Amino acid sequence: MIKLTRFNGAIFYLNITHIETVEATPDTVITLFNDRKYIVKDSAESIAERVRAFYQNVPPASSAPRMPDDANE
């Protein structure tokens, strides 16, 4: 999760795995996969950097997820 600031000054945390796009229009608009949008004070560049930093610190999965039927093959 990353810490973001709304234009009214309220701070909230957003699960970055739900982010589809981050646009500077000139306000920063974050669109999630469910089409919900957030307008924040944070710059698009700073959000992109925080997302990159998050993924650099997450260890890779040890193996690809398997469907239940895959175990029988």
C-alpha atoms as a PDB file:
ATOM      1  CA  MET A   1       0.000   0.000   0.000  1.00  0.00           C
ATOM      2  CA  ILE A   2       1.079   3.557  -0.597  1.00  0.00           C
ATOM      3  CA  LYS A   3       0.211   6.709   1.317  1.00  0.00           C
ATOM      4  CA  LEU A   4      -1.648   9.368  -0.724  1.00  0.00           C
ATOM      5  CA  THR A   5      -3.151  12.785  -0.008  1.00  0.00           C
ATOM      6  CA  ARG A   6      -6.531  13.990  -1.254  1.00  0.00           C
ATOM      7  CA  PHE A   7      -6.981  17.655  -2.204  1.00  0.00           C
ATOM      8  CA  ASN A   8      -8.818  18.315   1.081  1.00  0.00           C
ATOM      9  CA  GLY A   9      -5.686  17.180   2.940  1.00  0.00           C
ATOM     10  CA  ALA A  10      -7.068  13.796   4.019  1.00  0.00           C
ATOM     11  CA  ILE A  11      -4.479  11.025   3.954  1.00  0.00           C
ATOM     12  CA  PHE A  12      -5.375   7.512   2.820  1.00  0.00           C
ATOM     13  CA  TYR A  13      -3.593   4.328   1.807  1.00  0.00           C
ATOM     14  CA  LEU A  14      -4.219   2.622  -1.531  1.00  0.00           C
ATOM     15  CA  ASN A  15      -3.533  -0.985  -2.445  1.00  0.00           C
ATOM     16  CA  ILE A  16      -1.282  -0.584  -5.475  1.00  0.00           C
ATOM     17  CA  THR A  17      -2.224  -3.942  -6.955  1.00  0.00           C
ATOM     18  CA  HIS A  18      -5.593  -2.395  -7.864  1.00  0.00           C
ATOM     19  CA  ILE A  19      -4.131   0.505  -9.885  1.00  0.00           C
ATOM     20  CA  GLU A  20      -4.747   0.420 -13.621  1.00  0.00           C
ATOM     21  CA  THR A  21      -3.521   3.903 -14.617  1.00  0.00           C
ATOM     22  CA  VAL A  22      -2.040   7.062 -13.111  1.00  0.00           C
ATOM     23  CA  GLU A  23      -2.510  10.217 -15.175  1.00  0.00           C
ATOM     24  CA  ALA A  24      -1.403  13.844 -14.801  1.00  0.00           C
ATOM     25  CA  THR A  25      -4.274  15.842 -16.325  1.00  0.00           C
ATOM     26  CA  PRO A  26      -2.851  18.273 -14.729  1.00  0.00           C
ATOM     27  CA  ASP A  27      -4.301  16.914 -11.465  1.00  0.00           C
ATOM     28  CA  THR A  28      -3.184  13.382 -10.715  1.00  0.00           C
ATOM     29  CA  VAL A  29      -5.983  10.897 -11.410  1.00  0.00           C
ATOM     30  CA  ILE A  30      -5.598   7.281 -10.308  1.00  0.00           C
ATOM     31  CA  THR A  31      -7.931   4.787 -11.979  1.00  0.00           C
ATOM     32  CA  LEU A  32      -8.422   1.352 -10.446  1.00  0.00           C
ATOM     33  CA  PHE A  33      -9.389  -1.844 -12.269  1.00  0.00           C
ATOM     34  CA  ASN A  34     -12.983  -1.431 -11.038  1.00  0.00           C
ATOM     35  CA  ASP A  35     -13.082   2.042 -12.749  1.00  0.00           C
ATOM     36  CA  ARG A  36     -13.085   3.901  -9.429  1.00  0.00           C
ATOM     37  CA  LYS A  37     -11.067   7.112  -9.674  1.00  0.00           C
ATOM     38  CA  TYR A  38      -9.106   9.087  -7.088  1.00  0.00           C
ATOM     39  CA  ILE A  39      -7.804  12.626  -7.572  1.00  0.00           C
ATOM     40  CA  VAL A  40      -4.785  13.260  -5.362  1.00  0.00           C
ATOM     41  CA  LYS A  41      -2.195  15.946  -4.606  1.00  0.00           C
ATOM     42  CA  ASP A  42       0.705  13.545  -5.162  1.00  0.00           C
ATOM     43  CA  SER A  43       2.419  13.776  -8.559  1.00  0.00           C
ATOM     44  CA  ALA A  44       2.114  10.935 -11.053  1.00  0.00           C
ATOM     45  CA  GLU A  45       5.912  10.619 -11.017  1.00  0.00           C
ATOM     46  CA  SER A  46       6.075  10.231  -7.230  1.00  0.00           C
ATOM     47  CA  ILE A  47       3.325   7.605  -7.309  1.00  0.00           C
ATOM     48  CA  ALA A  48       5.133   5.675 -10.061  1.00  0.00           C
ATOM     49  CA  GLU A  49       8.339   5.786  -8.008  1.00  0.00           C
ATOM     50  CA  ARG A  50       6.563   4.475  -4.887  1.00  0.00           C
ATOM     51  CA  VAL A  51       5.001   1.648  -6.913  1.00  0.00           C
ATOM     52  CA  ARG A  52       8.424   0.727  -8.350  1.00  0.00           C
ATOM     53  CA  ALA A  53       9.960   0.800  -4.861  1.00  0.00           C
ATOM     54  CA  PHE A  54       7.195  -1.414  -3.518  1.00  0.00           C
ATOM     55  CA  TYR A  55       7.718  -4.062  -6.199  1.00  0.00           C
ATOM     56  CA  GLN A  56      11.505  -3.954  -5.778  1.00  0.00           C
ATOM     57  CA  ASN A  57      11.073  -4.873  -2.100  1.00  0.00           C
ATOM     58  CA  VAL A  58       8.550  -7.681  -2.634  1.00  0.00           C
ATOM     59  CA  PRO A  59      10.184 -11.105  -2.957  1.00  0.00           C
ATOM     60  CA  PRO A  60       9.181 -13.028  -6.087  1.00  0.00           C
ATOM     61  CA  ALA A  61       6.778 -15.924  -5.773  1.00  0.00           C
ATOM     62  CA  SER A  62       8.575 -19.242  -5.475  1.00  0.00           C
ATOM     63  CA  SER A  63       6.423 -20.757  -8.212  1.00  0.00           C
ATOM     64  CA  ALA A  64       3.534 -19.869 -10.462  1.00  0.00           C
ATOM     65  CA  PRO A  65       0.066 -20.355  -8.994  1.00  0.00           C
ATOM     66  CA  ARG A  66      -1.605 -23.602 -10.028  1.00  0.00           C
ATOM     67  CA  MET A  67      -5.188 -24.403 -10.756  1.00  0.00           C
ATOM     68  CA  PRO A  68      -6.610 -27.407  -8.844  1.00  0.00           C
ATOM     69  CA  ASP A  69      -6.723 -29.484 -12.048  1.00  0.00           C
ATOM     70  CA  ASP A  70      -3.013 -28.833 -12.700  1.00  0.00           C
ATOM     71  CA  ALA A  71      -2.030 -31.053  -9.781  1.00  0.00           C
ATOM     72  CA  ASN A  72      -3.454 -34.113 -11.574  1.00  0.00           C
ATOM     73  CA  GLU A  73      -1.373 -33.668 -14.727  1.00  0.00           C
END
